Amino acid sequence: KICHVYCYTKEDKQDLSQEIILQLFK
């Protein structure tokens, strides 16, 4: 949901999702 709201392209959504998971893990 958050990636869909903040990004438009599939690639941007994937990049943001990976960044969020990294921040969650850290």
mmCIF file of all heavy atoms, coordinates in Angstrom:
data_MODEL
# 
_entry.id   MODEL 
# 
loop_
_atom_site.group_PDB 
_atom_site.id 
_atom_site.type_symbol 
_atom_site.label_atom_id 
_atom_site.label_alt_id 
_atom_site.label_comp_id 
_atom_site.label_asym_id 
_atom_site.label_entity_id 
_atom_site.label_seq_id 
_atom_site.pdbx_PDB_ins_code 
_atom_site.Cartn_x 
_atom_site.Cartn_y 
_atom_site.Cartn_z 
_atom_site.occupancy 
_atom_site.B_iso_or_equiv 
_atom_site.pdbx_formal_charge 
_atom_site.auth_seq_id 
_atom_site.auth_comp_id 
_atom_site.auth_asym_id 
_atom_site.auth_atom_id 
_atom_site.pdbx_PDB_model_num 
ATOM 1   N N   . LYS A 1 1  ? 0.826  -1.209 0.000   1.00 0.00 ? 1  LYS A N   1 
ATOM 2   C CA  . LYS A 1 1  ? 0.000  0.000  0.000   1.00 0.00 ? 1  LYS A CA  1 
ATOM 3   C C   . LYS A 1 1  ? 0.861  1.260  0.000   1.00 0.00 ? 1  LYS A C   1 
ATOM 4   O O   . LYS A 1 1  ? 0.607  2.199  -0.759  1.00 0.00 ? 1  LYS A O   1 
ATOM 5   C CB  . LYS A 1 1  ? -0.934 0.007  1.206   1.00 0.00 ? 1  LYS A CB  1 
ATOM 6   C CG  . LYS A 1 1  ? -2.060 -0.989 1.088   1.00 0.00 ? 1  LYS A CG  1 
ATOM 7   C CD  . LYS A 1 1  ? -2.927 -0.996 2.321   1.00 0.00 ? 1  LYS A CD  1 
ATOM 8   C CE  . LYS A 1 1  ? -3.974 -2.078 2.231   1.00 0.00 ? 1  LYS A CE  1 
ATOM 9   N NZ  . LYS A 1 1  ? -4.808 -2.147 3.438   1.00 0.00 ? 1  LYS A NZ  1 
ATOM 10  N N   . ILE A 1 2  ? 1.866  1.299  0.851   1.00 0.00 ? 2  ILE A N   1 
ATOM 11  C CA  . ILE A 1 2  ? 2.711  2.486  0.927   1.00 0.00 ? 2  ILE A CA  1 
ATOM 12  C C   . ILE A 1 2  ? 3.493  2.678  -0.370  1.00 0.00 ? 2  ILE A C   1 
ATOM 13  O O   . ILE A 1 2  ? 3.583  3.795  -0.893  1.00 0.00 ? 2  ILE A O   1 
ATOM 14  C CB  . ILE A 1 2  ? 3.640  2.422  2.154   1.00 0.00 ? 2  ILE A CB  1 
ATOM 15  C CG1 . ILE A 1 2  ? 2.793  2.608  3.419   1.00 0.00 ? 2  ILE A CG1 1 
ATOM 16  C CG2 . ILE A 1 2  ? 4.750  3.477  2.071   1.00 0.00 ? 2  ILE A CG2 1 
ATOM 17  C CD1 . ILE A 1 2  ? 3.535  2.494  4.709   1.00 0.00 ? 2  ILE A CD1 1 
ATOM 18  N N   . CYS A 1 3  ? 4.033  1.607  -0.906  1.00 0.00 ? 3  CYS A N   1 
ATOM 19  C CA  . CYS A 1 3  ? 4.789  1.711  -2.166  1.00 0.00 ? 3  CYS A CA  1 
ATOM 20  C C   . CYS A 1 3  ? 3.882  2.159  -3.308  1.00 0.00 ? 3  CYS A C   1 
ATOM 21  O O   . CYS A 1 3  ? 4.305  2.924  -4.181  1.00 0.00 ? 3  CYS A O   1 
ATOM 22  C CB  . CYS A 1 3  ? 5.455  0.386  -2.497  1.00 0.00 ? 3  CYS A CB  1 
ATOM 23  S SG  . CYS A 1 3  ? 6.804  -0.022 -1.363  1.00 0.00 ? 3  CYS A SG  1 
ATOM 24  N N   . HIS A 1 4  ? 2.653  1.701  -3.301  1.00 0.00 ? 4  HIS A N   1 
ATOM 25  C CA  . HIS A 1 4  ? 1.701  2.097  -4.348  1.00 0.00 ? 4  HIS A CA  1 
ATOM 26  C C   . HIS A 1 4  ? 1.384  3.590  -4.268  1.00 0.00 ? 4  HIS A C   1 
ATOM 27  O O   . HIS A 1 4  ? 1.233  4.253  -5.297  1.00 0.00 ? 4  HIS A O   1 
ATOM 28  C CB  . HIS A 1 4  ? 0.420  1.274  -4.227  1.00 0.00 ? 4  HIS A CB  1 
ATOM 29  C CG  . HIS A 1 4  ? -0.592 1.596  -5.276  1.00 0.00 ? 4  HIS A CG  1 
ATOM 30  N ND1 . HIS A 1 4  ? -0.445 1.233  -6.588  1.00 0.00 ? 4  HIS A ND1 1 
ATOM 31  C CD2 . HIS A 1 4  ? -1.761 2.272  -5.194  1.00 0.00 ? 4  HIS A CD2 1 
ATOM 32  C CE1 . HIS A 1 4  ? -1.482 1.661  -7.280  1.00 0.00 ? 4  HIS A CE1 1 
ATOM 33  N NE2 . HIS A 1 4  ? -2.302 2.298  -6.460  1.00 0.00 ? 4  HIS A NE2 1 
ATOM 34  N N   . VAL A 1 5  ? 1.299  4.122  -3.071  1.00 0.00 ? 5  VAL A N   1 
ATOM 35  C CA  . VAL A 1 5  ? 0.975  5.535  -2.899  1.00 0.00 ? 5  VAL A CA  1 
ATOM 36  C C   . VAL A 1 5  ? 2.157  6.434  -3.260  1.00 0.00 ? 5  VAL A C   1 
ATOM 37  O O   . VAL A 1 5  ? 1.975  7.485  -3.868  1.00 0.00 ? 5  VAL A O   1 
ATOM 38  C CB  . VAL A 1 5  ? 0.513  5.813  -1.444  1.00 0.00 ? 5  VAL A CB  1 
ATOM 39  C CG1 . VAL A 1 5  ? 0.431  7.300  -1.157  1.00 0.00 ? 5  VAL A CG1 1 
ATOM 40  C CG2 . VAL A 1 5  ? -0.823 5.138  -1.174  1.00 0.00 ? 5  VAL A CG2 1 
ATOM 41  N N   . TYR A 1 6  ? 3.363  6.016  -2.916  1.00 0.00 ? 6  TYR A N   1 
ATOM 42  C CA  . TYR A 1 6  ? 4.528  6.889  -3.073  1.00 0.00 ? 6  TYR A CA  1 
ATOM 43  C C   . TYR A 1 6  ? 5.302  6.683  -4.363  1.00 0.00 ? 6  TYR A C   1 
ATOM 44  O O   . TYR A 1 6  ? 6.183  7.493  -4.674  1.00 0.00 ? 6  TYR A O   1 
ATOM 45  C CB  . TYR A 1 6  ? 5.469  6.735  -1.869  1.00 0.00 ? 6  TYR A CB  1 
ATOM 46  C CG  . TYR A 1 6  ? 4.954  7.492  -0.674  1.00 0.00 ? 6  TYR A CG  1 
ATOM 47  C CD1 . TYR A 1 6  ? 4.066  6.907  0.225   1.00 0.00 ? 6  TYR A CD1 1 
ATOM 48  C CD2 . TYR A 1 6  ? 5.328  8.804  -0.459  1.00 0.00 ? 6  TYR A CD2 1 
ATOM 49  C CE1 . TYR A 1 6  ? 3.578  7.605  1.307   1.00 0.00 ? 6  TYR A CE1 1 
ATOM 50  C CE2 . TYR A 1 6  ? 4.842  9.523  0.619   1.00 0.00 ? 6  TYR A CE2 1 
ATOM 51  C CZ  . TYR A 1 6  ? 3.962  8.915  1.494   1.00 0.00 ? 6  TYR A CZ  1 
ATOM 52  O OH  . TYR A 1 6  ? 3.472  9.621  2.552   1.00 0.00 ? 6  TYR A OH  1 
ATOM 53  N N   . CYS A 1 7  ? 5.024  5.623  -5.107  1.00 0.00 ? 7  CYS A N   1 
ATOM 54  C CA  . CYS A 1 7  ? 5.764  5.362  -6.347  1.00 0.00 ? 7  CYS A CA  1 
ATOM 55  C C   . CYS A 1 7  ? 4.793  5.046  -7.479  1.00 0.00 ? 7  CYS A C   1 
ATOM 56  O O   . CYS A 1 7  ? 3.691  4.554  -7.245  1.00 0.00 ? 7  CYS A O   1 
ATOM 57  C CB  . CYS A 1 7  ? 6.715  4.189  -6.166  1.00 0.00 ? 7  CYS A CB  1 
ATOM 58  S SG  . CYS A 1 7  ? 7.980  4.472  -4.930  1.00 0.00 ? 7  CYS A SG  1 
ATOM 59  N N   . TYR A 1 8  ? 5.256  5.315  -8.697  1.00 0.00 ? 8  TYR A N   1 
ATOM 60  C CA  . TYR A 1 8  ? 4.399  5.100  -9.857  1.00 0.00 ? 8  TYR A CA  1 
ATOM 61  C C   . TYR A 1 8  ? 4.819  3.903  -10.694 1.00 0.00 ? 8  TYR A C   1 
ATOM 62  O O   . TYR A 1 8  ? 3.974  3.179  -11.201 1.00 0.00 ? 8  TYR A O   1 
ATOM 63  C CB  . TYR A 1 8  ? 4.375  6.365  -10.727 1.00 0.00 ? 8  TYR A CB  1 
ATOM 64  C CG  . TYR A 1 8  ? 3.856  7.557  -9.973  1.00 0.00 ? 8  TYR A CG  1 
ATOM 65  C CD1 . TYR A 1 8  ? 4.716  8.561  -9.557  1.00 0.00 ? 8  TYR A CD1 1 
ATOM 66  C CD2 . TYR A 1 8  ? 2.513  7.665  -9.630  1.00 0.00 ? 8  TYR A CD2 1 
ATOM 67  C CE1 . TYR A 1 8  ? 4.246  9.653  -8.838  1.00 0.00 ? 8  TYR A CE1 1 
ATOM 68  C CE2 . TYR A 1 8  ? 2.034  8.744  -8.915  1.00 0.00 ? 8  TYR A CE2 1 
ATOM 69  C CZ  . TYR A 1 8  ? 2.912  9.741  -8.527  1.00 0.00 ? 8  TYR A CZ  1 
ATOM 70  O OH  . TYR A 1 8  ? 2.437  10.806 -7.811  1.00 0.00 ? 8  TYR A OH  1 
ATOM 71  N N   . THR A 1 9  ? 6.099  3.689  -10.849 1.00 0.00 ? 9  THR A N   1 
ATOM 72  C CA  . THR A 1 9  ? 6.546  2.587  -11.698 1.00 0.00 ? 9  THR A CA  1 
ATOM 73  C C   . THR A 1 9  ? 6.806  1.333  -10.861 1.00 0.00 ? 9  THR A C   1 
ATOM 74  O O   . THR A 1 9  ? 7.072  1.414  -9.649  1.00 0.00 ? 9  THR A O   1 
ATOM 75  C CB  . THR A 1 9  ? 7.839  2.942  -12.456 1.00 0.00 ? 9  THR A CB  1 
ATOM 76  O OG1 . THR A 1 9  ? 8.912  3.060  -11.522 1.00 0.00 ? 9  THR A OG1 1 
ATOM 77  C CG2 . THR A 1 9  ? 7.682  4.235  -13.253 1.00 0.00 ? 9  THR A CG2 1 
ATOM 78  N N   . LYS A 1 10 ? 6.752  0.210  -11.527 1.00 0.00 ? 10 LYS A N   1 
ATOM 79  C CA  . LYS A 1 10 ? 6.987  -1.071 -10.863 1.00 0.00 ? 10 LYS A CA  1 
ATOM 80  C C   . LYS A 1 10 ? 8.383  -1.119 -10.251 1.00 0.00 ? 10 LYS A C   1 
ATOM 81  O O   . LYS A 1 10 ? 8.564  -1.584 -9.117  1.00 0.00 ? 10 LYS A O   1 
ATOM 82  C CB  . LYS A 1 10 ? 6.820  -2.207 -11.874 1.00 0.00 ? 10 LYS A CB  1 
ATOM 83  C CG  . LYS A 1 10 ? 7.033  -3.574 -11.311 1.00 0.00 ? 10 LYS A CG  1 
ATOM 84  C CD  . LYS A 1 10 ? 6.839  -4.639 -12.376 1.00 0.00 ? 10 LYS A CD  1 
ATOM 85  C CE  . LYS A 1 10 ? 7.139  -6.012 -11.830 1.00 0.00 ? 10 LYS A CE  1 
ATOM 86  N NZ  . LYS A 1 10 ? 6.980  -7.055 -12.844 1.00 0.00 ? 10 LYS A NZ  1 
ATOM 87  N N   . GLU A 1 11 ? 9.346  -0.598 -10.987 1.00 0.00 ? 11 GLU A N   1 
ATOM 88  C CA  . GLU A 1 11 ? 10.733 -0.619 -10.512 1.00 0.00 ? 11 GLU A CA  1 
ATOM 89  C C   . GLU A 1 11 ? 10.908 0.248  -9.269  1.00 0.00 ? 11 GLU A C   1 
ATOM 90  O O   . GLU A 1 11 ? 11.595 -0.139 -8.318  1.00 0.00 ? 11 GLU A O   1 
ATOM 91  C CB  . GLU A 1 11 ? 11.690 -0.155 -11.617 1.00 0.00 ? 11 GLU A CB  1 
ATOM 92  C CG  . GLU A 1 11 ? 11.783 -1.091 -12.792 1.00 0.00 ? 11 GLU A CG  1 
ATOM 93  C CD  . GLU A 1 11 ? 10.609 -0.958 -13.777 1.00 0.00 ? 11 GLU A CD  1 
ATOM 94  O OE1 . GLU A 1 11 ? 9.885  0.065  -13.718 1.00 0.00 ? 11 GLU A OE1 1 
ATOM 95  O OE2 . GLU A 1 11 ? 10.433 -1.884 -14.579 1.00 0.00 ? 11 GLU A OE2 1 
ATOM 96  N N   . ASP A 1 12 ? 10.289 1.426  -9.277  1.00 0.00 ? 12 ASP A N   1 
ATOM 97  C CA  . ASP A 1 12 ? 10.366 2.307  -8.112  1.00 0.00 ? 12 ASP A CA  1 
ATOM 98  C C   . ASP A 1 12 ? 9.708  1.661  -6.897  1.00 0.00 ? 12 ASP A C   1 
ATOM 99  O O   . ASP A 1 12 ? 10.210 1.776  -5.774  1.00 0.00 ? 12 ASP A O   1 
ATOM 100 C CB  . ASP A 1 12 ? 9.718  3.655  -8.396  1.00 0.00 ? 12 ASP A CB  1 
ATOM 101 C CG  . ASP A 1 12 ? 10.542 4.520  -9.328  1.00 0.00 ? 12 ASP A CG  1 
ATOM 102 O OD1 . ASP A 1 12 ? 11.704 4.154  -9.622  1.00 0.00 ? 12 ASP A OD1 1 
ATOM 103 O OD2 . ASP A 1 12 ? 10.023 5.563  -9.775  1.00 0.00 ? 12 ASP A OD2 1 
ATOM 104 N N   . LYS A 1 13 ? 8.594  0.997  -7.114  1.00 0.00 ? 13 LYS A N   1 
ATOM 105 C CA  . LYS A 1 13 ? 7.910  0.310  -6.016  1.00 0.00 ? 13 LYS A CA  1 
ATOM 106 C C   . LYS A 1 13 ? 8.780  -0.791 -5.437  1.00 0.00 ? 13 LYS A C   1 
ATOM 107 O O   . LYS A 1 13 ? 8.863  -0.950 -4.212  1.00 0.00 ? 13 LYS A O   1 
ATOM 108 C CB  . LYS A 1 13 ? 6.576  -0.261 -6.496  1.00 0.00 ? 13 LYS A CB  1 
ATOM 109 C CG  . LYS A 1 13 ? 5.550  0.807  -6.803  1.00 0.00 ? 13 LYS A CG  1 
ATOM 110 C CD  . LYS A 1 13 ? 4.288  0.211  -7.389  1.00 0.00 ? 13 LYS A CD  1 
ATOM 111 C CE  . LYS A 1 13 ? 3.349  1.326  -7.829  1.00 0.00 ? 13 LYS A CE  1 
ATOM 112 N NZ  . LYS A 1 13 ? 2.118  0.831  -8.422  1.00 0.00 ? 13 LYS A NZ  1 
ATOM 113 N N   . GLN A 1 14 ? 9.461  -1.532 -6.304  1.00 0.00 ? 14 GLN A N   1 
ATOM 114 C CA  . GLN A 1 14 ? 10.351 -2.596 -5.835  1.00 0.00 ? 14 GLN A CA  1 
ATOM 115 C C   . GLN A 1 14 ? 11.529 -2.017 -5.059  1.00 0.00 ? 14 GLN A C   1 
ATOM 116 O O   . GLN A 1 14 ? 11.909 -2.546 -4.007  1.00 0.00 ? 14 GLN A O   1 
ATOM 117 C CB  . GLN A 1 14 ? 10.850 -3.429 -7.010  1.00 0.00 ? 14 GLN A CB  1 
ATOM 118 C CG  . GLN A 1 14 ? 9.779  -4.293 -7.631  1.00 0.00 ? 14 GLN A CG  1 
ATOM 119 C CD  . GLN A 1 14 ? 10.241 -4.980 -8.912  1.00 0.00 ? 14 GLN A CD  1 
ATOM 120 O OE1 . GLN A 1 14 ? 11.220 -4.572 -9.530  1.00 0.00 ? 14 GLN A OE1 1 
ATOM 121 N NE2 . GLN A 1 14 ? 9.528  -6.017 -9.308  1.00 0.00 ? 14 GLN A NE2 1 
ATOM 122 N N   . ASP A 1 15 ? 12.101 -0.936 -5.579  1.00 0.00 ? 15 ASP A N   1 
ATOM 123 C CA  . ASP A 1 15 ? 13.224 -0.295 -4.893  1.00 0.00 ? 15 ASP A CA  1 
ATOM 124 C C   . ASP A 1 15 ? 12.809 0.221  -3.521  1.00 0.00 ? 15 ASP A C   1 
ATOM 125 O O   . ASP A 1 15 ? 13.528 0.034  -2.529  1.00 0.00 ? 15 ASP A O   1 
ATOM 126 C CB  . ASP A 1 15 ? 13.779 0.855  -5.722  1.00 0.00 ? 15 ASP A CB  1 
ATOM 127 C CG  . ASP A 1 15 ? 14.543 0.403  -6.948  1.00 0.00 ? 15 ASP A CG  1 
ATOM 128 O OD1 . ASP A 1 15 ? 14.896 -0.789 -7.031  1.00 0.00 ? 15 ASP A OD1 1 
ATOM 129 O OD2 . ASP A 1 15 ? 14.782 1.251  -7.827  1.00 0.00 ? 15 ASP A OD2 1 
ATOM 130 N N   . LEU A 1 16 ? 11.666 0.886  -3.453  1.00 0.00 ? 16 LEU A N   1 
ATOM 131 C CA  . LEU A 1 16 ? 11.198 1.411  -2.178  1.00 0.00 ? 16 LEU A CA  1 
ATOM 132 C C   . LEU A 1 16 ? 10.879 0.272  -1.214  1.00 0.00 ? 16 LEU A C   1 
ATOM 133 O O   . LEU A 1 16 ? 11.215 0.351  -0.032  1.00 0.00 ? 16 LEU A O   1 
ATOM 134 C CB  . LEU A 1 16 ? 9.972  2.310  -2.366  1.00 0.00 ? 16 LEU A CB  1 
ATOM 135 C CG  . LEU A 1 16 ? 9.409  2.927  -1.086  1.00 0.00 ? 16 LEU A CG  1 
ATOM 136 C CD1 . LEU A 1 16 ? 10.464 3.748  -0.352  1.00 0.00 ? 16 LEU A CD1 1 
ATOM 137 C CD2 . LEU A 1 16 ? 8.187  3.772  -1.400  1.00 0.00 ? 16 LEU A CD2 1 
ATOM 138 N N   . SER A 1 17 ? 10.285 -0.779 -1.710  1.00 0.00 ? 17 SER A N   1 
ATOM 139 C CA  . SER A 1 17 ? 9.977  -1.929 -0.864  1.00 0.00 ? 17 SER A CA  1 
ATOM 140 C C   . SER A 1 17 ? 11.250 -2.522 -0.263  1.00 0.00 ? 17 SER A C   1 
ATOM 141 O O   . SER A 1 17 ? 11.300 -2.830 0.933   1.00 0.00 ? 17 SER A O   1 
ATOM 142 C CB  . SER A 1 17 ? 9.235  -2.990 -1.684  1.00 0.00 ? 17 SER A CB  1 
ATOM 143 O OG  . SER A 1 17 ? 8.938  -4.106 -0.889  1.00 0.00 ? 17 SER A OG  1 
ATOM 144 N N   . GLN A 1 18 ? 12.288 -2.645 -1.067  1.00 0.00 ? 18 GLN A N   1 
ATOM 145 C CA  . GLN A 1 18 ? 13.561 -3.172 -0.560  1.00 0.00 ? 18 GLN A CA  1 
ATOM 146 C C   . GLN A 1 18 ? 14.167 -2.231 0.480   1.00 0.00 ? 18 GLN A C   1 
ATOM 147 O O   . GLN A 1 18 ? 14.701 -2.686 1.498   1.00 0.00 ? 18 GLN A O   1 
ATOM 148 C CB  . GLN A 1 18 ? 14.543 -3.370 -1.705  1.00 0.00 ? 18 GLN A CB  1 
ATOM 149 C CG  . GLN A 1 18 ? 14.192 -4.538 -2.591  1.00 0.00 ? 18 GLN A CG  1 
ATOM 150 C CD  . GLN A 1 18 ? 15.148 -4.684 -3.759  1.00 0.00 ? 18 GLN A CD  1 
ATOM 151 O OE1 . GLN A 1 18 ? 16.050 -3.872 -3.952  1.00 0.00 ? 18 GLN A OE1 1 
ATOM 152 N NE2 . GLN A 1 18 ? 14.945 -5.719 -4.549  1.00 0.00 ? 18 GLN A NE2 1 
ATOM 153 N N   . GLU A 1 19 ? 14.081 -0.941 0.238   1.00 0.00 ? 19 GLU A N   1 
ATOM 154 C CA  . GLU A 1 19 ? 14.615 0.029  1.194   1.00 0.00 ? 19 GLU A CA  1 
ATOM 155 C C   . GLU A 1 19 ? 13.851 -0.034 2.514   1.00 0.00 ? 19 GLU A C   1 
ATOM 156 O O   . GLU A 1 19 ? 14.443 0.037  3.596   1.00 0.00 ? 19 GLU A O   1 
ATOM 157 C CB  . GLU A 1 19 ? 14.555 1.440  0.612   1.00 0.00 ? 19 GLU A CB  1 
ATOM 158 C CG  . GLU A 1 19 ? 15.136 2.497  1.503   1.00 0.00 ? 19 GLU A CG  1 
ATOM 159 C CD  . GLU A 1 19 ? 16.627 2.338  1.785   1.00 0.00 ? 19 GLU A CD  1 
ATOM 160 O OE1 . GLU A 1 19 ? 17.357 1.799  0.924   1.00 0.00 ? 19 GLU A OE1 1 
ATOM 161 O OE2 . GLU A 1 19 ? 17.067 2.748  2.876   1.00 0.00 ? 19 GLU A OE2 1 
ATOM 162 N N   . ILE A 1 20 ? 12.534 -0.178 2.438   1.00 0.00 ? 20 ILE A N   1 
ATOM 163 C CA  . ILE A 1 20 ? 11.725 -0.281 3.655   1.00 0.00 ? 20 ILE A CA  1 
ATOM 164 C C   . ILE A 1 20 ? 12.093 -1.539 4.432   1.00 0.00 ? 20 ILE A C   1 
ATOM 165 O O   . ILE A 1 20 ? 12.276 -1.491 5.654   1.00 0.00 ? 20 ILE A O   1 
ATOM 166 C CB  . ILE A 1 20 ? 10.219 -0.261 3.318   1.00 0.00 ? 20 ILE A CB  1 
ATOM 167 C CG1 . ILE A 1 20 ? 9.805  1.134  2.829   1.00 0.00 ? 20 ILE A CG1 1 
ATOM 168 C CG2 . ILE A 1 20 ? 9.379  -0.676 4.529   1.00 0.00 ? 20 ILE A CG2 1 
ATOM 169 C CD1 . ILE A 1 20 ? 8.412  1.192  2.225   1.00 0.00 ? 20 ILE A CD1 1 
ATOM 170 N N   . ILE A 1 21 ? 12.234 -2.655 3.743   1.00 0.00 ? 21 ILE A N   1 
ATOM 171 C CA  . ILE A 1 21 ? 12.598 -3.902 4.419   1.00 0.00 ? 21 ILE A CA  1 
ATOM 172 C C   . ILE A 1 21 ? 13.975 -3.775 5.071   1.00 0.00 ? 21 ILE A C   1 
ATOM 173 O O   . ILE A 1 21 ? 14.179 -4.235 6.200   1.00 0.00 ? 21 ILE A O   1 
ATOM 174 C CB  . ILE A 1 21 ? 12.532 -5.096 3.447   1.00 0.00 ? 21 ILE A CB  1 
ATOM 175 C CG1 . ILE A 1 21 ? 11.072 -5.365 3.076   1.00 0.00 ? 21 ILE A CG1 1 
ATOM 176 C CG2 . ILE A 1 21 ? 13.166 -6.334 4.059   1.00 0.00 ? 21 ILE A CG2 1 
ATOM 177 C CD1 . ILE A 1 21 ? 10.880 -6.355 1.952   1.00 0.00 ? 21 ILE A CD1 1 
ATOM 178 N N   . LEU A 1 22 ? 14.902 -3.118 4.391   1.00 0.00 ? 22 LEU A N   1 
ATOM 179 C CA  . LEU A 1 22 ? 16.225 -2.893 4.977   1.00 0.00 ? 22 LEU A CA  1 
ATOM 180 C C   . LEU A 1 22 ? 16.120 -2.060 6.253   1.00 0.00 ? 22 LEU A C   1 
ATOM 181 O O   . LEU A 1 22 ? 16.731 -2.397 7.285   1.00 0.00 ? 22 LEU A O   1 
ATOM 182 C CB  . LEU A 1 22 ? 17.141 -2.199 3.972   1.00 0.00 ? 22 LEU A CB  1 
ATOM 183 C CG  . LEU A 1 22 ? 18.516 -1.793 4.501   1.00 0.00 ? 22 LEU A CG  1 
ATOM 184 C CD1 . LEU A 1 22 ? 19.332 -3.014 4.895   1.00 0.00 ? 22 LEU A CD1 1 
ATOM 185 C CD2 . LEU A 1 22 ? 19.252 -0.971 3.456   1.00 0.00 ? 22 LEU A CD2 1 
ATOM 186 N N   . GLN A 1 23 ? 15.335 -0.992 6.209   1.00 0.00 ? 23 GLN A N   1 
ATOM 187 C CA  . GLN A 1 23 ? 15.169 -0.146 7.391   1.00 0.00 ? 23 GLN A CA  1 
ATOM 188 C C   . GLN A 1 23 ? 14.470 -0.897 8.522   1.00 0.00 ? 23 GLN A C   1 
ATOM 189 O O   . GLN A 1 23 ? 14.815 -0.732 9.703   1.00 0.00 ? 23 GLN A O   1 
ATOM 190 C CB  . GLN A 1 23 ? 14.408 1.133  7.036   1.00 0.00 ? 23 GLN A CB  1 
ATOM 191 C CG  . GLN A 1 23 ? 15.154 2.058  6.107   1.00 0.00 ? 23 GLN A CG  1 
ATOM 192 C CD  . GLN A 1 23 ? 16.519 2.448  6.629   1.00 0.00 ? 23 GLN A CD  1 
ATOM 193 O OE1 . GLN A 1 23 ? 16.699 2.738  7.808   1.00 0.00 ? 23 GLN A OE1 1 
ATOM 194 N NE2 . GLN A 1 23 ? 17.508 2.434  5.742   1.00 0.00 ? 23 GLN A NE2 1 
ATOM 195 N N   . LEU A 1 24 ? 13.489 -1.718 8.177   1.00 0.00 ? 24 LEU A N   1 
ATOM 196 C CA  . LEU A 1 24 ? 12.814 -2.532 9.190   1.00 0.00 ? 24 LEU A CA  1 
ATOM 197 C C   . LEU A 1 24 ? 13.801 -3.491 9.853   1.00 0.00 ? 24 LEU A C   1 
ATOM 198 O O   . LEU A 1 24 ? 13.825 -3.637 11.078  1.00 0.00 ? 24 LEU A O   1 
ATOM 199 C CB  . LEU A 1 24 ? 11.665 -3.330 8.565   1.00 0.00 ? 24 LEU A CB  1 
ATOM 200 C CG  . LEU A 1 24 ? 10.425 -2.544 8.177   1.00 0.00 ? 24 LEU A CG  1 
ATOM 201 C CD1 . LEU A 1 24 ? 9.526  -3.390 7.286   1.00 0.00 ? 24 LEU A CD1 1 
ATOM 202 C CD2 . LEU A 1 24 ? 9.679  -2.089 9.426   1.00 0.00 ? 24 LEU A CD2 1 
ATOM 203 N N   . PHE A 1 25 ? 14.621 -4.135 9.039   1.00 0.00 ? 25 PHE A N   1 
ATOM 204 C CA  . PHE A 1 25 ? 15.592 -5.099 9.551   1.00 0.00 ? 25 PHE A CA  1 
ATOM 205 C C   . PHE A 1 25 ? 16.615 -4.407 10.458  1.00 0.00 ? 25 PHE A C   1 
ATOM 206 O O   . PHE A 1 25 ? 16.938 -4.904 11.538  1.00 0.00 ? 25 PHE A O   1 
ATOM 207 C CB  . PHE A 1 25 ? 16.297 -5.818 8.400   1.00 0.00 ? 25 PHE A CB  1 
ATOM 208 C CG  . PHE A 1 25 ? 17.238 -6.895 8.857   1.00 0.00 ? 25 PHE A CG  1 
ATOM 209 C CD1 . PHE A 1 25 ? 16.750 -8.112 9.286   1.00 0.00 ? 25 PHE A CD1 1 
ATOM 210 C CD2 . PHE A 1 25 ? 18.607 -6.688 8.860   1.00 0.00 ? 25 PHE A CD2 1 
ATOM 211 C CE1 . PHE A 1 25 ? 17.608 -9.113 9.725   1.00 0.00 ? 25 PHE A CE1 1 
ATOM 212 C CE2 . PHE A 1 25 ? 19.475 -7.673 9.289   1.00 0.00 ? 25 PHE A CE2 1 
ATOM 213 C CZ  . PHE A 1 25 ? 18.970 -8.891 9.717   1.00 0.00 ? 25 PHE A CZ  1 
ATOM 214 N N   . LYS A 1 26 ? 17.110 -3.258 10.015  1.00 0.00 ? 26 LYS A N   1 
ATOM 215 C CA  . LYS A 1 26 ? 18.114 -2.537 10.789  1.00 0.00 ? 26 LYS A CA  1 
ATOM 216 C C   . LYS A 1 26 ? 17.567 -2.040 12.129  1.00 0.00 ? 26 LYS A C   1 
ATOM 217 O O   . LYS A 1 26 ? 18.312 -1.936 13.105  1.00 0.00 ? 26 LYS A O   1 
ATOM 218 C CB  . LYS A 1 26 ? 18.656 -1.355 9.977   1.00 0.00 ? 26 LYS A CB  1 
ATOM 219 C CG  . LYS A 1 26 ? 19.564 -1.775 8.844   1.00 0.00 ? 26 LYS A CG  1 
ATOM 220 C CD  . LYS A 1 26 ? 19.901 -0.666 7.883   1.00 0.00 ? 26 LYS A CD  1 
ATOM 221 C CE  . LYS A 1 26 ? 20.533 0.541  8.491   1.00 0.00 ? 26 LYS A CE  1 
ATOM 222 N NZ  . LYS A 1 26 ? 20.925 1.549  7.478   1.00 0.00 ? 26 LYS A NZ  1 
# 
